[in-house]
Protein backbone atom coordinates (compact mmCIF):
# COMPACT_ATOMS: atom_id res chain seq x y z
CA UNK A 1 141.48 32.10 -29.30
CA UNK A 2 140.16 34.60 -26.71
CA UNK A 3 136.70 33.01 -26.85
CA UNK A 4 138.24 29.55 -26.43
CA UNK A 5 140.17 30.63 -23.33
CA UNK A 6 137.06 32.29 -21.87
CA UNK A 7 135.00 29.13 -22.44
CA UNK A 8 137.66 26.94 -20.81
CA UNK A 9 137.82 29.23 -17.76
CA UNK A 10 134.02 29.14 -17.45
CA UNK A 11 134.01 25.33 -17.54
CA UNK A 12 136.69 25.17 -14.85
CA UNK A 13 134.71 27.61 -12.69
CA UNK A 14 131.56 25.50 -13.02
CA UNK A 15 133.63 22.40 -12.31
CA UNK A 16 134.78 23.95 -9.03
CA UNK A 17 131.16 24.40 -7.97
CA UNK A 18 130.32 20.84 -8.98
CA UNK A 19 133.16 19.30 -6.98
CA UNK A 20 131.89 21.06 -3.89
CA UNK A 21 128.35 19.73 -4.36
CA UNK A 22 128.66 16.18 -5.68
CA UNK A 23 131.02 13.30 -4.99
CA UNK A 24 132.70 11.12 -7.60
CA UNK A 25 130.31 8.32 -6.63
CA UNK A 26 127.25 10.48 -7.28
CA UNK A 27 128.64 11.70 -10.59
CA UNK A 28 129.53 8.14 -11.64
CA UNK A 29 125.96 7.00 -10.94
CA UNK A 30 124.52 9.97 -12.84
CA UNK A 31 126.84 9.34 -15.80
CA UNK A 32 125.47 5.79 -16.05
CA UNK A 33 121.94 7.20 -16.52
CA UNK A 34 121.22 8.54 -20.06
CA UNK A 35 118.14 10.32 -18.67
CA UNK A 36 119.95 12.12 -15.83
CA UNK A 37 119.54 15.90 -15.52
CA UNK A 38 123.16 16.18 -16.57
CA UNK A 39 124.87 18.34 -19.16
CA UNK A 40 127.73 16.32 -20.61
CA UNK A 41 130.15 16.39 -23.51
CA UNK A 42 131.28 12.86 -24.43
CA UNK A 43 134.03 12.14 -26.95
CA UNK A 44 133.49 8.47 -27.81
CA UNK A 45 136.00 6.75 -30.10
CA UNK A 46 135.06 3.44 -31.72
CA UNK A 47 137.78 1.48 -33.51
CA UNK A 48 136.05 -1.16 -35.66
CA UNK A 49 138.67 -3.75 -36.53
CA UNK A 50 139.32 -6.37 -39.20
CA UNK A 51 137.17 -5.50 -42.21
CA UNK A 52 137.66 -7.50 -45.40
CA UNK A 53 140.53 -9.63 -46.63
CA UNK A 54 143.16 -7.07 -45.56
CA UNK A 55 141.78 -6.67 -42.00
CA UNK A 56 141.38 -2.91 -42.32
CA UNK A 57 140.04 -0.72 -39.50
CA UNK A 58 137.33 1.97 -39.54
CA UNK A 59 137.59 4.63 -36.84
CA UNK A 60 134.54 6.61 -35.71
CA UNK A 61 134.86 9.49 -33.23
CA UNK A 62 131.42 10.46 -31.91
CA UNK A 63 131.18 13.94 -30.41
CA UNK A 64 127.79 13.78 -28.72
CA UNK A 65 126.74 16.65 -26.43
CA UNK A 66 123.84 15.82 -24.10
CA UNK A 67 121.72 18.79 -22.99
CA UNK A 68 118.70 18.58 -20.65
CA UNK A 69 115.89 21.11 -21.16
CA UNK A 70 112.67 22.05 -19.36
CA UNK A 71 114.01 21.11 -15.94
CA UNK A 72 115.23 17.70 -17.10
CA UNK A 73 111.91 16.71 -18.67
CA UNK A 74 113.49 16.78 -22.15
CA UNK A 75 116.93 15.28 -22.83
CA UNK A 76 118.60 16.00 -26.16
CA UNK A 77 121.60 14.23 -27.67
CA UNK A 78 123.26 15.14 -30.95
CA UNK A 79 125.90 12.82 -32.41
CA UNK A 80 128.52 14.32 -34.72
CA UNK A 81 130.45 11.30 -36.13
CA UNK A 82 133.95 11.91 -37.50
CA UNK A 83 134.93 8.85 -39.51
CA UNK A 84 138.13 7.57 -41.09
CA UNK A 85 137.45 4.99 -43.81
CA UNK A 86 140.37 3.02 -45.31
CA UNK A 87 140.75 1.68 -48.82
CA UNK A 88 139.37 -1.83 -48.24
CA UNK A 89 140.79 -3.09 -51.55
CA UNK A 90 144.41 -2.62 -50.43
CA UNK A 91 146.63 -3.19 -47.41
CA UNK A 92 147.12 0.57 -46.99
CA UNK A 93 145.60 3.84 -48.05
CA UNK A 94 142.54 5.89 -47.10
CA UNK A 95 139.22 6.15 -48.91
CA UNK A 96 137.64 9.06 -47.04
CA UNK A 97 137.59 10.92 -43.73
CA UNK A 98 135.41 13.63 -42.21
CA UNK A 99 131.91 14.20 -40.89
CA UNK A 100 129.34 11.42 -41.40
CA UNK A 101 125.56 11.71 -40.99
CA UNK A 102 124.52 13.67 -37.87
CA UNK A 103 121.99 11.98 -35.56
CA UNK A 104 119.70 14.02 -33.25
CA UNK A 105 117.53 12.47 -30.53
CA UNK A 106 115.17 14.12 -28.05
CA UNK A 107 113.60 12.22 -25.14
CA UNK A 108 110.58 13.34 -23.14
CA UNK A 109 111.05 12.01 -19.60
CA UNK A 110 107.80 11.63 -17.60
CA UNK A 111 107.87 11.64 -13.81
CA UNK A 112 108.14 8.06 -12.55
CA UNK A 113 109.16 6.00 -9.54
CA UNK A 114 111.53 3.06 -9.76
CA UNK A 115 111.63 2.59 -13.52
CA UNK A 116 112.83 5.62 -15.50
CA UNK A 117 111.89 5.94 -19.14
CA UNK A 118 111.88 8.43 -21.96
CA UNK A 119 110.68 8.49 -25.55
CA UNK A 120 110.90 10.79 -28.54
CA UNK A 121 112.08 11.19 -32.13
CA UNK A 122 115.42 10.36 -33.68
CA UNK A 123 116.43 12.18 -36.88
CA UNK A 124 119.37 11.34 -39.16
CA UNK A 125 120.66 14.18 -41.36
CA UNK A 126 122.54 13.52 -44.64
CA UNK A 127 125.72 15.41 -43.79
CA UNK A 128 128.17 12.66 -44.74
CA UNK A 129 127.97 12.90 -48.51
CA UNK A 130 128.08 9.97 -50.89
CA UNK A 131 130.89 8.00 -49.20
CA UNK A 132 130.46 8.67 -45.47
CA UNK A 133 126.65 8.87 -45.43
CA UNK A 134 123.35 7.62 -46.83
CA UNK A 135 122.38 10.87 -48.61
CA UNK A 136 118.92 10.31 -47.09
CA UNK A 137 116.86 12.09 -44.43
CA UNK A 138 115.64 9.48 -41.97
CA UNK A 139 113.53 9.54 -38.83
CA UNK A 140 111.77 7.28 -36.37
CA UNK A 141 110.91 6.65 -32.71
CA UNK A 142 113.38 6.14 -29.86
CA UNK A 143 112.78 4.70 -26.38
CA UNK A 144 115.04 4.30 -23.35
CA UNK A 145 114.17 2.42 -20.13
CA UNK A 146 116.36 1.90 -17.03
CA UNK A 147 116.42 1.08 -13.33
CA UNK A 148 119.12 1.84 -10.75
CA UNK A 149 118.78 -0.54 -7.79
CA UNK A 150 121.59 0.00 -5.28
CA UNK A 151 124.97 0.09 -7.01
CA UNK A 152 123.58 -1.25 -10.28
CA UNK A 153 122.20 0.31 -13.46
CA UNK A 154 120.25 -1.83 -15.95
CA UNK A 155 118.71 -0.44 -19.10
CA UNK A 156 118.33 -0.30 -22.82
CA UNK A 157 117.83 2.17 -25.66
CA UNK A 158 116.15 1.24 -28.92
CA UNK A 159 115.32 3.15 -32.07
CA UNK A 160 114.45 2.50 -35.69
CA UNK A 161 114.73 4.95 -38.57
CA UNK A 162 113.23 5.00 -42.05
CA UNK A 163 114.24 7.29 -44.91
CA UNK A 164 111.63 9.80 -46.08
CA UNK A 165 113.59 12.15 -48.36
CA UNK A 166 116.94 12.56 -50.07
CA UNK A 167 118.74 11.29 -53.15
CA UNK A 168 116.36 9.08 -55.17
CA UNK A 169 119.35 7.18 -56.59
CA UNK A 170 120.41 5.94 -53.16
CA UNK A 171 118.88 2.91 -51.42
CA UNK A 172 116.19 3.30 -48.78
CA UNK A 173 117.17 3.40 -45.10
CA UNK A 174 115.50 1.09 -42.59
CA UNK A 175 117.72 0.19 -39.66
CA UNK A 176 117.45 -0.55 -35.96
CA UNK A 177 119.79 0.18 -33.04
CA UNK A 178 119.55 -1.52 -29.64
CA UNK A 179 121.98 -0.36 -26.94
CA UNK A 180 121.80 -2.55 -23.83
CA UNK A 181 123.75 -1.39 -20.78
CA UNK A 182 124.62 -2.66 -17.32
CA UNK A 183 126.85 -0.79 -14.85
CA UNK A 184 128.13 -1.83 -11.41
CA UNK A 185 129.49 0.94 -9.19
CA UNK A 186 132.59 -0.08 -7.23
CA UNK A 187 133.10 3.06 -5.12
CA UNK A 188 135.53 5.93 -5.42
CA UNK A 189 134.18 6.74 -8.89
CA UNK A 190 135.21 3.32 -10.27
CA UNK A 191 132.78 1.05 -12.13
CA UNK A 192 132.59 -1.91 -14.51
CA UNK A 193 130.16 -1.94 -17.41
CA UNK A 194 128.96 -3.50 -20.62
CA UNK A 195 127.08 -1.50 -23.25
CA UNK A 196 126.93 -3.47 -26.53
CA UNK A 197 125.29 -1.75 -29.50
CA UNK A 198 123.26 -4.28 -31.52
CA UNK A 199 122.28 -3.13 -35.02
CA UNK A 200 120.14 -4.52 -37.80
CA UNK A 201 119.85 -3.32 -41.40
CA UNK A 202 116.39 -4.51 -42.44
CA UNK A 203 117.14 -3.80 -46.11
CA UNK A 204 119.99 -6.35 -46.19
CA UNK A 205 119.77 -10.11 -46.71
CA UNK A 206 119.06 -12.04 -43.52
CA UNK A 207 122.63 -13.41 -43.40
CA UNK A 208 124.13 -9.89 -43.56
CA UNK A 209 121.60 -8.03 -41.42
CA UNK A 210 122.86 -8.17 -37.84
CA UNK A 211 125.85 -7.01 -35.80
CA UNK A 212 125.76 -8.45 -32.25
CA UNK A 213 128.74 -7.58 -29.99
CA UNK A 214 129.73 -9.26 -26.75
CA UNK A 215 132.16 -7.69 -24.30
CA UNK A 216 132.70 -5.43 -21.30
CA UNK A 217 135.01 -2.88 -19.72
CA UNK A 218 135.12 -0.27 -17.01
CA UNK A 219 135.97 3.26 -16.07
CA UNK A 220 136.32 5.94 -13.43
CA UNK A 221 135.13 9.49 -12.76
CA UNK A 222 138.15 11.69 -12.00
CA UNK A 223 138.47 15.36 -11.11
CA UNK A 224 140.77 17.30 -13.41
CA UNK A 225 142.67 19.76 -11.26
CA UNK A 226 140.47 18.63 -8.40
CA UNK A 227 137.56 20.53 -9.96
CA UNK A 228 136.39 19.43 -13.40
CA UNK A 229 134.60 16.01 -13.46
CA UNK A 230 135.73 13.73 -16.27
CA UNK A 231 134.31 10.25 -16.88
CA UNK A 232 136.89 7.95 -18.50
CA UNK A 233 135.98 4.49 -19.75
CA UNK A 234 136.95 1.76 -22.20
CA UNK A 235 135.43 -1.51 -23.42
CA UNK A 236 136.34 -4.26 -25.87
CA UNK A 237 133.69 -6.16 -27.86
CA UNK A 238 133.78 -9.17 -30.17
CA UNK A 239 131.06 -9.30 -32.82
CA UNK A 240 129.66 -12.81 -32.39
CA UNK A 241 127.23 -12.12 -35.27
CA UNK A 242 128.27 -9.90 -38.19
CA UNK A 243 127.87 -9.55 -41.97
CA UNK A 244 130.32 -11.19 -44.35
CA UNK A 245 131.85 -7.74 -44.78
CA UNK A 246 131.82 -6.38 -41.25
CA UNK A 247 134.12 -5.67 -38.29
CA UNK A 248 135.32 -8.54 -36.13
CA UNK A 249 136.20 -6.47 -33.05
CA UNK A 250 135.29 -3.08 -31.59
CA UNK A 251 137.42 -1.14 -29.11
CA UNK A 252 135.56 1.75 -27.50
CA UNK A 253 137.16 4.58 -25.51
CA UNK A 254 135.33 7.56 -24.07
CA UNK A 255 136.15 10.80 -22.28
CA UNK A 256 133.03 12.56 -20.98
CA UNK A 257 133.03 15.99 -19.35
CA UNK A 258 130.22 16.30 -16.77
CA UNK A 259 128.28 19.44 -15.84
CA UNK A 260 125.17 18.53 -13.79
CA UNK A 261 122.36 20.90 -14.70
CA UNK A 262 121.03 21.01 -11.14
CA UNK A 263 124.18 22.86 -10.06
CA UNK A 264 123.11 25.97 -11.98
CA UNK A 265 119.63 25.64 -10.45
CA UNK A 266 121.06 25.52 -6.92
CA UNK A 267 123.22 28.57 -7.61
CA UNK A 268 120.20 30.50 -8.94
CA UNK A 269 118.12 29.49 -5.90
CA UNK A 270 120.81 30.77 -3.53
CA UNK A 271 121.01 34.08 -5.44
CA UNK A 272 117.21 34.44 -5.30
CA UNK A 273 117.22 33.84 -1.55
CA UNK A 274 119.92 36.49 -1.06
CA UNK A 275 117.90 39.01 -3.04
CA UNK A 276 114.74 38.52 -0.96
């Protein structure tokens, strides 16, 4: 408990420095950029609705810390998915809940003008067991590209993973993820956005391969206690293409704590100047 209180006080202290250095508008623009030199802790909840004949829901809470390294030239993101899977064969009851397969991605971000881009590996770890995971180690390439003209952000992230080790009795993994995103800043930390996640399971039949959502939402960067930046957003998506056994709707909600890495650099620079 003492460590938890100490960590919370440290975050609030850093948040006080951040609020003095960056406006809500600047933080909102940085939060829209997955390659920003920005330490963040997003809690993203995805409620996937209307599976099967009983219209059951699967809930996935992604805890996905983003940590920039090497002066922002390397951006890491680790997704810890906490899932709640119902009993699809009945109107009520739960099949399983807990940690699913962890996904780690690292992007190398070259210096560029206008168009920002990053590439690197994505690795999926079999931490979900037989029900919540694939029981396979999988890896592949990942690429993100974006531009931020004026008040807009346009971009996309794509990766594909293939299994290379794991339980021989489980099926091979070969799936693709494409996350397109567009954000329009409205001022005062407010914005509207759409960030559908298109997926394809290349091992499935062509009729059951794709999930293609269509939808939008919005959000706002607020300052908790006037100090700690928090990015709140929500979107609703309808899956216009989906497998026979797949979700009809997805409701996404996210709370993202923001700690820009450049703040610590500025503080260190000031300390160095004082010591000269």
